[in-house]
């Protein structure tokens, strides 16, 4: 990479190039499923902000001038100011108008002083996370940091905005490639789910003549599940999975990596794998998992959030999770079963409690579905195997690009590596 020796750099603080604004305390009773989205901490899914499950308000109930400063737009950078995920950063990539909720900060560039993307990358790196962890106050479970403290994050930056733009563009180019691959994998997942739904929900798998079974008049029989194809039967997840409960010994903690199920507040596809997150220094009570194993969150707002361990490592999950493994010969079917939208319906049927629902292993194992014949399952696996292979290759590319970006980011942002403008 070409070096530039003409760029002037300055040591300073984040507040010199950006303003940090905390969110507005919208009334809890006003939140619902209709109206304008309000972004809370749970909606920050690094490196983006996910509006899909955001709670909404009727903005007409509020003084428009008063809440104007909390209006968000595409490209805005948000930071969590409290809780276990304090310091996590997300950028808005959607076009819809939304508002900033309390305990979430917007970090906005000072116009004429800083580039918007440079400011985003300034807080995206591990240096900012370390700063937040050492500066925040409160207990480990409920840490807090103020907007002023975020603004006092020490940085170095080029004085010329053009130089800031040049640095940001290098990182943006990598993120664009990552995003393209991610969207391609979303398409692959949609294809896999479409095939699954056609075969195992609508029962239009190919018959002996290659025609859709049910739509072509294939014989259906009554069952407790409703009408299912002849020779199929009703089964449960418990027939396909085994619960994992082996704990990590105190003498082997260093061998294991703590993992966290993908956390979106809803059930996510099983091909959305675990993200690494250290929960505590001692993991002697954590549950052992290995490549291909699953775990899900059984309680509270994230009930049913699920992930699969893809990496060939010794993993561990917090005891709050329910971990399980597909039985021999059932792996492919379980993988695609978990991806279906029907899981949300199952959670409503089998979870215990009303206000604070829980979904224990027995309830999860009770999920019922129509079990196909072995021949149909083998044909399904054959067709979807190529999709899974492509998906995994793209996942490897994404991981490589992320590694390059994460290595470059601190070097570019500190001036250790300088690009020719």
Protein backbone atom coordinates (compact mmCIF):
# COMPACT_ATOMS: atom_id res chain seq x y z
CA UNK A 1 0.00 0.00 0.00
CA UNK A 2 1.42 3.37 -0.96
CA UNK A 3 2.39 5.69 1.86
CA UNK A 4 1.66 9.41 1.99
CA UNK A 5 4.11 11.54 3.99
CA UNK A 6 2.29 14.83 3.36
CA UNK A 7 -0.83 14.14 5.42
CA UNK A 8 -0.99 16.12 8.66
CA UNK A 9 -2.27 14.18 11.64
CA UNK A 10 -3.49 15.44 15.00
CA UNK A 11 -3.77 13.78 18.40
CA UNK A 12 -7.05 14.62 20.04
CA UNK A 13 -10.45 13.37 21.14
CA UNK A 14 -13.59 12.18 19.39
CA UNK A 15 -15.51 15.33 20.39
CA UNK A 16 -13.17 17.37 18.19
CA UNK A 17 -14.51 15.75 15.02
CA UNK A 18 -17.94 14.49 16.14
CA UNK A 19 -20.93 15.28 18.33
CA UNK A 20 -22.37 12.61 20.58
CA UNK A 21 -26.09 12.79 21.31
CA UNK A 22 -27.98 10.52 23.70
CA UNK A 23 -31.48 9.34 22.78
CA UNK A 24 -34.93 10.52 23.85
CA UNK A 25 -37.01 8.94 26.64
CA UNK A 26 -40.07 7.91 24.65
CA UNK A 27 -42.95 6.78 26.88
CA UNK A 28 -43.11 3.02 27.34
CA UNK A 29 -46.88 2.89 26.96
CA UNK A 30 -46.59 4.44 23.47
CA UNK A 31 -44.58 1.58 21.97
CA UNK A 32 -46.34 -0.77 19.59
CA UNK A 33 -46.11 -2.38 16.17
CA UNK A 34 -47.41 0.59 14.15
CA UNK A 35 -45.95 3.98 13.35
CA UNK A 36 -42.37 5.25 13.25
CA UNK A 37 -39.54 2.98 14.40
CA UNK A 38 -37.61 3.84 17.56
CA UNK A 39 -34.13 2.34 17.71
CA UNK A 40 -33.20 0.66 20.98
CA UNK A 41 -30.02 -1.14 22.04
CA UNK A 42 -31.45 -4.50 20.94
CA UNK A 43 -31.75 -3.17 17.37
CA UNK A 44 -28.00 -2.58 17.06
CA UNK A 45 -26.73 -5.71 15.33
CA UNK A 46 -23.08 -4.88 14.52
CA UNK A 47 -22.02 -3.64 12.10
CA UNK A 48 -25.56 -2.47 11.24
CA UNK A 49 -28.82 -1.35 12.81
CA UNK A 50 -31.67 -3.81 12.21
CA UNK A 51 -35.04 -2.03 11.95
CA UNK A 52 -37.04 -5.19 11.20
CA UNK A 53 -38.04 -5.87 14.82
CA UNK A 54 -37.91 -2.31 16.12
CA UNK A 55 -40.77 -1.09 18.30
CA UNK A 56 -42.75 1.86 16.95
CA UNK A 57 -44.54 4.97 18.14
CA UNK A 58 -47.11 7.42 16.82
CA UNK A 59 -44.85 10.44 16.46
CA UNK A 60 -47.88 12.76 16.40
CA UNK A 61 -48.17 12.20 20.15
CA UNK A 62 -44.94 14.15 20.62
CA UNK A 63 -43.82 17.73 20.14
CA UNK A 64 -42.21 17.58 16.69
CA UNK A 65 -39.66 20.29 17.41
CA UNK A 66 -38.62 18.54 20.61
CA UNK A 67 -37.95 15.16 18.99
CA UNK A 68 -36.47 16.52 15.75
CA UNK A 69 -32.89 16.30 17.05
CA UNK A 70 -33.41 12.56 17.69
CA UNK A 71 -34.45 11.78 14.11
CA UNK A 72 -32.14 9.29 12.40
CA UNK A 73 -31.18 8.87 8.76
CA UNK A 74 -29.19 6.55 6.54
CA UNK A 75 -25.49 6.40 7.42
CA UNK A 76 -25.89 7.44 11.06
CA UNK A 77 -23.59 5.71 13.55
CA UNK A 78 -25.13 4.46 16.82
CA UNK A 79 -23.50 3.23 20.04
CA UNK A 80 -25.03 1.28 22.96
CA UNK A 81 -24.58 3.25 26.21
CA UNK A 82 -25.58 0.64 28.77
CA UNK A 83 -25.94 -3.06 29.55
CA UNK A 84 -23.97 -6.20 28.76
CA UNK A 85 -23.42 -5.08 25.15
CA UNK A 86 -22.29 -1.56 26.03
CA UNK A 87 -20.14 -0.01 23.31
CA UNK A 88 -21.50 -2.08 20.43
CA UNK A 89 -21.67 -0.04 17.22
CA UNK A 90 -24.07 -0.15 14.29
CA UNK A 91 -24.58 1.95 11.17
CA UNK A 92 -27.99 2.65 9.66
CA UNK A 93 -28.26 1.20 6.16
CA UNK A 94 -32.02 1.58 5.64
CA UNK A 95 -33.85 4.57 4.11
CA UNK A 96 -36.80 4.71 6.51
CA UNK A 97 -37.04 7.54 9.05
CA UNK A 98 -36.58 6.42 12.66
CA UNK A 99 -35.87 7.92 16.08
CA UNK A 100 -33.16 7.46 18.70
CA UNK A 101 -34.22 5.95 22.03
CA UNK A 102 -32.64 6.69 25.40
CA UNK A 103 -29.41 4.89 26.31
CA UNK A 104 -28.39 4.81 22.65
CA UNK A 105 -26.00 7.48 21.35
CA UNK A 106 -25.67 8.90 17.86
CA UNK A 107 -22.11 9.81 16.90
CA UNK A 108 -22.31 12.38 14.10
CA UNK A 109 -19.49 14.07 12.22
CA UNK A 110 -18.91 17.79 12.63
CA UNK A 111 -19.50 19.16 9.16
CA UNK A 112 -16.50 20.84 7.63
CA UNK A 113 -14.24 19.07 10.13
CA UNK A 114 -14.76 15.35 9.63
CA UNK A 115 -15.94 12.73 7.14
CA UNK A 116 -19.00 10.75 8.25
CA UNK A 117 -17.49 7.35 7.41
CA UNK A 118 -14.18 8.19 9.09
CA UNK A 119 -16.08 8.93 12.32
CA UNK A 120 -17.89 5.57 12.03
CA UNK A 121 -14.64 3.64 11.67
CA UNK A 122 -13.09 5.63 14.52
CA UNK A 123 -15.52 3.98 16.96
CA UNK A 124 -15.79 0.61 15.23
CA UNK A 125 -12.41 -0.73 16.28
CA UNK A 126 -11.32 -2.66 19.35
CA UNK A 127 -9.61 0.43 20.83
CA UNK A 128 -13.00 2.08 21.31
CA UNK A 129 -14.46 -1.05 22.91
CA UNK A 130 -11.57 -1.23 25.36
CA UNK A 131 -12.02 2.46 26.15
CA UNK A 132 -15.74 1.97 26.85
CA UNK A 133 -15.10 -1.03 29.10
CA UNK A 134 -12.52 0.84 31.18
CA UNK A 135 -14.45 4.14 31.32
CA UNK A 136 -17.97 2.87 32.02
CA UNK A 137 -19.45 2.75 35.51
CA UNK A 138 -21.87 0.38 37.24
CA UNK A 139 -21.97 -3.40 37.65
CA UNK A 140 -20.69 -5.80 34.98
CA UNK A 141 -24.27 -6.61 33.98
CA UNK A 142 -25.42 -2.98 33.88
CA UNK A 143 -22.49 -0.84 32.84
CA UNK A 144 -23.16 2.74 31.74
CA UNK A 145 -21.28 5.37 29.80
CA UNK A 146 -22.29 8.98 29.16
CA UNK A 147 -22.32 10.85 25.87
CA UNK A 148 -19.60 13.14 27.23
CA UNK A 149 -17.36 10.17 28.08
CA UNK A 150 -17.85 8.74 24.58
CA UNK A 151 -16.78 12.11 23.22
CA UNK A 152 -13.58 11.95 25.27
CA UNK A 153 -12.38 8.83 23.44
CA UNK A 154 -8.73 9.56 22.43
CA UNK A 155 -8.06 9.44 18.69
CA UNK A 156 -5.59 10.55 16.05
CA UNK A 157 -6.95 11.87 12.77
CA UNK A 158 -5.89 13.60 9.56
CA UNK A 159 -6.71 17.30 9.63
CA UNK A 160 -7.71 17.32 5.95
CA UNK A 161 -11.17 15.82 5.35
CA UNK A 162 -10.02 14.50 1.96
CA UNK A 163 -7.42 12.37 3.72
CA UNK A 164 -10.10 11.08 6.11
CA UNK A 165 -12.28 10.15 3.11
CA UNK A 166 -9.41 8.28 1.47
CA UNK A 167 -8.82 6.18 4.58
CA UNK A 168 -12.53 5.46 4.99
CA UNK A 169 -12.89 4.40 1.35
CA UNK A 170 -10.32 1.62 1.79
CA UNK A 171 -12.40 0.16 4.63
CA UNK A 172 -15.70 0.81 2.84
CA UNK A 173 -14.50 -1.18 -0.17
CA UNK A 174 -13.90 -4.19 2.07
CA UNK A 175 -17.25 -3.79 3.83
CA UNK A 176 -19.06 -3.56 0.49
CA UNK A 177 -17.55 -6.87 -0.58
CA UNK A 178 -18.55 -8.42 2.74
CA UNK A 179 -22.09 -7.07 2.38
CA UNK A 180 -22.39 -8.39 -1.18
CA UNK A 181 -21.36 -11.88 -0.07
CA UNK A 182 -23.74 -11.68 2.89
CA UNK A 183 -26.67 -10.79 0.61
CA UNK A 184 -25.73 -13.62 -1.74
CA UNK A 185 -25.87 -15.99 1.21
CA UNK A 186 -29.26 -14.59 2.21
CA UNK A 187 -30.47 -15.50 -1.28
CA UNK A 188 -29.11 -19.04 -0.86
CA UNK A 189 -30.93 -19.33 2.46
CA UNK A 190 -34.16 -18.13 0.88
CA UNK A 191 -33.78 -20.74 -1.85
CA UNK A 192 -33.20 -23.48 0.73
CA UNK A 193 -36.22 -22.37 2.77
CA UNK A 194 -38.38 -22.21 -0.36
CA UNK A 195 -37.46 -25.79 -1.25
CA UNK A 196 -38.07 -26.88 2.34
CA UNK A 197 -41.51 -25.23 2.46
CA UNK A 198 -42.50 -26.68 -0.91
CA UNK A 199 -41.50 -30.20 0.07
CA UNK A 200 -42.21 -30.43 3.82
CA UNK A 201 -44.91 -27.83 4.47
CA UNK A 202 -46.93 -27.77 1.24
CA UNK A 203 -46.04 -31.45 0.49
CA UNK A 204 -45.21 -30.71 -3.15
CA UNK A 205 -42.03 -32.78 -3.30
CA UNK A 206 -41.45 -34.54 -6.66
CA UNK A 207 -43.51 -37.71 -7.04
CA UNK A 208 -42.26 -40.73 -9.02
CA UNK A 209 -43.01 -38.86 -12.25
CA UNK A 210 -41.25 -35.70 -11.12
CA UNK A 211 -44.51 -33.80 -10.54
CA UNK A 212 -45.44 -31.91 -7.33
CA UNK A 213 -46.97 -34.57 -5.08
CA UNK A 214 -49.98 -32.89 -3.47
CA UNK A 215 -50.76 -30.53 -6.37
CA UNK A 216 -50.80 -33.54 -8.73
CA UNK A 217 -53.29 -35.46 -6.61
CA UNK A 218 -50.89 -37.45 -4.47
CA UNK A 219 -52.67 -39.45 -1.76
CA UNK A 220 -52.99 -37.68 1.59
CA UNK A 221 -54.00 -39.29 4.90
CA UNK A 222 -55.37 -37.85 8.14
CA UNK A 223 -53.10 -37.42 11.15
CA UNK A 224 -52.94 -35.44 14.39
CA UNK A 225 -50.87 -32.95 12.40
CA UNK A 226 -53.56 -32.65 9.72
CA UNK A 227 -53.36 -34.20 6.26
CA UNK A 228 -49.94 -35.61 5.40
CA UNK A 229 -48.66 -37.67 2.45
CA UNK A 230 -49.21 -41.41 2.50
CA UNK A 231 -46.30 -43.28 4.15
CA UNK A 232 -45.29 -40.18 6.11
CA UNK A 233 -45.76 -39.97 9.88
CA UNK A 234 -45.95 -37.36 12.62
CA UNK A 235 -42.77 -36.94 14.66
CA UNK A 236 -41.12 -34.52 17.07
CA UNK A 237 -37.78 -32.76 17.32
CA UNK A 238 -36.93 -34.95 20.30
CA UNK A 239 -36.57 -37.88 17.89
CA UNK A 240 -33.87 -36.01 15.96
CA UNK A 241 -31.82 -34.29 18.66
CA UNK A 242 -29.98 -34.96 21.92
CA UNK A 243 -29.52 -32.36 24.66
CA UNK A 244 -25.95 -31.45 25.63
CA UNK A 245 -25.10 -30.94 29.29
CA UNK A 246 -21.40 -31.75 29.76
CA UNK A 247 -19.73 -28.93 31.71
CA UNK A 248 -16.22 -27.57 31.31
CA UNK A 249 -13.77 -28.64 34.00
CA UNK A 250 -11.86 -25.96 35.89
CA UNK A 251 -8.57 -27.39 34.57
CA UNK A 252 -9.57 -27.10 30.89
CA UNK A 253 -11.07 -23.61 30.64
CA UNK A 254 -8.24 -22.28 28.47
CA UNK A 255 -9.04 -24.80 25.72
CA UNK A 256 -12.56 -23.46 25.09
CA UNK A 257 -13.95 -20.43 23.31
CA UNK A 258 -17.14 -18.92 24.73
CA UNK A 259 -19.86 -18.49 22.13
CA UNK A 260 -23.18 -16.64 21.98
CA UNK A 261 -26.21 -17.52 19.88
CA UNK A 262 -27.13 -14.94 17.25
CA UNK A 263 -29.25 -12.45 19.15
CA UNK A 264 -32.06 -10.67 17.29
CA UNK A 265 -35.03 -11.11 19.60
CA UNK A 266 -36.52 -13.73 17.26
CA UNK A 267 -35.60 -17.13 15.93
CA UNK A 268 -32.96 -16.78 13.24
CA UNK A 269 -31.87 -19.29 10.58
CA UNK A 270 -29.60 -22.03 11.86
CA UNK A 271 -27.00 -21.03 9.29
CA UNK A 272 -26.57 -17.74 11.20
CA UNK A 273 -23.78 -19.11 13.34
CA UNK A 274 -22.56 -18.18 16.79
CA UNK A 275 -20.78 -14.90 17.36
CA UNK A 276 -17.92 -14.95 19.84
CA UNK A 277 -18.52 -13.10 23.09
CA UNK A 278 -16.83 -13.55 26.45
CA UNK A 279 -19.43 -13.62 29.22
CA UNK A 280 -17.17 -14.04 32.25
CA UNK A 281 -13.62 -14.89 33.22
CA UNK A 282 -14.71 -18.23 34.69
CA UNK A 283 -16.46 -20.65 32.36
CA UNK A 284 -16.31 -23.78 34.51
CA UNK A 285 -20.12 -24.05 34.49
CA UNK A 286 -20.46 -23.55 30.75
CA UNK A 287 -21.72 -26.28 28.43
CA UNK A 288 -19.37 -27.93 25.95
CA UNK A 289 -20.28 -27.74 22.27
CA UNK A 290 -18.50 -28.86 19.12
CA UNK A 291 -18.67 -28.16 15.40
CA UNK A 292 -22.22 -28.70 14.13
CA UNK A 293 -23.88 -28.38 17.55
CA UNK A 294 -26.77 -25.98 18.23
CA UNK A 295 -27.87 -23.79 21.13
CA UNK A 296 -30.78 -21.46 21.70
CA UNK A 297 -31.89 -18.85 24.20
CA UNK A 298 -34.84 -20.28 26.15
CA UNK A 299 -36.11 -17.16 27.89
CA UNK A 300 -37.12 -13.51 27.86
CA UNK A 301 -37.13 -11.23 24.81
CA UNK A 302 -34.65 -13.38 22.91
CA UNK A 303 -36.59 -16.59 23.38
CA UNK A 304 -35.83 -19.04 20.59
CA UNK A 305 -32.81 -17.15 19.18
CA UNK A 306 -30.70 -19.96 17.84
CA UNK A 307 -27.28 -20.60 16.37
CA UNK A 308 -25.11 -23.41 15.08
CA UNK A 309 -21.38 -23.72 15.74
CA UNK A 310 -19.70 -23.83 12.35
CA UNK A 311 -16.06 -23.55 13.36
CA UNK A 312 -13.83 -26.53 14.12
CA UNK A 313 -13.05 -25.42 17.67
CA UNK A 314 -13.84 -26.39 21.23
CA UNK A 315 -16.76 -24.15 22.09
CA UNK A 316 -18.81 -23.39 25.18
CA UNK A 317 -22.12 -21.67 25.84
CA UNK A 318 -23.48 -20.08 28.98
CA UNK A 319 -25.74 -22.29 31.14
CA UNK A 320 -28.63 -19.98 30.27
CA UNK A 321 -28.66 -21.57 26.81
CA UNK A 322 -30.12 -24.92 25.83
CA UNK A 323 -27.56 -26.83 23.75
CA UNK A 324 -28.29 -29.84 21.57
CA UNK A 325 -26.86 -32.01 18.81
CA UNK A 326 -28.55 -33.65 15.84
CA UNK A 327 -28.66 -37.42 16.07
CA UNK A 328 -26.71 -39.37 13.50
CA UNK A 329 -28.40 -39.18 10.10
CA UNK A 330 -30.70 -36.30 11.11
CA UNK A 331 -28.29 -33.37 10.73
CA UNK A 332 -29.38 -32.03 7.35
CA UNK A 333 -33.07 -32.26 8.18
CA UNK A 334 -32.68 -30.51 11.53
CA UNK A 335 -30.61 -27.76 9.91
CA UNK A 336 -33.36 -26.83 7.48
CA UNK A 337 -36.19 -27.50 9.89
CA UNK A 338 -34.82 -24.85 12.24
CA UNK A 339 -34.73 -22.30 9.42
CA UNK A 340 -38.47 -22.38 8.79
CA UNK A 341 -40.77 -19.59 9.86
CA UNK A 342 -42.97 -22.19 11.56
CA UNK A 343 -40.63 -22.16 14.53
CA UNK A 344 -42.17 -18.92 15.81
CA UNK A 345 -45.58 -20.58 15.78
CA UNK A 346 -44.14 -23.53 17.68
CA UNK A 347 -42.68 -21.22 20.32
CA UNK A 348 -46.13 -19.72 20.92
CA UNK A 349 -47.57 -23.24 21.32
CA UNK A 350 -44.91 -24.81 23.54
CA UNK A 351 -43.36 -22.00 25.62
CA UNK A 352 -44.38 -21.70 29.27
CA UNK A 353 -45.52 -18.50 30.97
CA UNK A 354 -47.19 -15.38 29.66
CA UNK A 355 -45.20 -12.27 30.56
CA UNK A 356 -41.82 -14.04 30.90
CA UNK A 357 -42.03 -17.02 28.57
CA UNK A 358 -39.53 -19.85 28.72
CA UNK A 359 -38.92 -22.64 26.24
CA UNK A 360 -37.15 -25.52 27.97
CA UNK A 361 -35.68 -28.54 26.20
CA UNK A 362 -38.80 -30.63 26.76
CA UNK A 363 -40.95 -27.96 25.13
CA UNK A 364 -38.49 -27.56 22.27
CA UNK A 365 -38.32 -31.31 21.75
CA UNK A 366 -42.12 -31.45 21.58
CA UNK A 367 -42.18 -29.45 18.34
CA UNK A 368 -44.13 -31.68 15.95
CA UNK A 369 -43.92 -31.96 12.17
CA UNK A 370 -44.55 -34.39 9.34
CA UNK A 371 -41.61 -36.80 8.97
CA UNK A 372 -40.94 -37.78 5.34
CA UNK A 373 -39.82 -41.13 4.03
CA UNK A 374 -36.10 -41.80 3.96
CA UNK A 375 -35.97 -41.60 0.14
CA UNK A 376 -37.56 -38.12 0.09
CA UNK A 377 -35.17 -36.88 2.77
CA UNK A 378 -32.16 -38.19 0.83
CA UNK A 379 -33.35 -36.47 -2.35
CA UNK A 380 -33.86 -33.23 -0.45
CA UNK A 381 -30.37 -33.43 1.04
CA UNK A 382 -28.88 -34.12 -2.39
CA UNK A 383 -30.52 -31.02 -3.89
CA UNK A 384 -29.65 -28.68 -1.03
CA UNK A 385 -26.09 -29.96 -0.53
CA UNK A 386 -24.77 -27.76 -3.35
CA UNK A 387 -26.46 -24.71 -1.79
CA UNK A 388 -24.83 -25.45 1.56
CA UNK A 389 -21.41 -25.87 -0.06
CA UNK A 390 -21.67 -22.53 -1.86
CA UNK A 391 -22.91 -20.90 1.34
CA UNK A 392 -19.96 -22.20 3.35
CA UNK A 393 -17.44 -21.07 0.73
CA UNK A 394 -18.91 -17.58 0.83
CA UNK A 395 -18.87 -17.63 4.63
CA UNK A 396 -15.14 -18.42 4.48
CA UNK A 397 -14.63 -15.48 2.09
CA UNK A 398 -16.54 -13.20 4.45
CA UNK A 399 -14.40 -14.31 7.38
CA UNK A 400 -11.20 -13.68 5.42
CA UNK A 401 -12.34 -10.19 4.39
CA UNK A 402 -13.33 -9.38 7.95
CA UNK A 403 -9.91 -10.48 9.16
CA UNK A 404 -8.21 -8.21 6.61
CA UNK A 405 -10.48 -5.29 7.55
CA UNK A 406 -9.96 -5.79 11.27
CA UNK A 407 -6.19 -5.89 10.79
CA UNK A 408 -6.17 -2.80 8.60
CA UNK A 409 -8.64 -0.72 10.58
CA UNK A 410 -6.45 0.21 13.59
CA UNK A 411 -3.39 0.71 11.39
CA UNK A 412 -5.21 3.05 9.02
CA UNK A 413 -7.01 4.93 11.78
CA UNK A 414 -3.80 5.48 13.74
CA UNK A 415 -1.73 6.54 10.74
CA UNK A 416 0.60 3.54 11.04
CA UNK A 417 -0.37 2.65 7.47
CA UNK A 418 -1.07 5.64 5.24
CA UNK A 419 -2.67 5.58 1.83
CA UNK A 420 -1.72 7.78 -1.09
CA UNK A 421 -4.51 10.29 -1.68
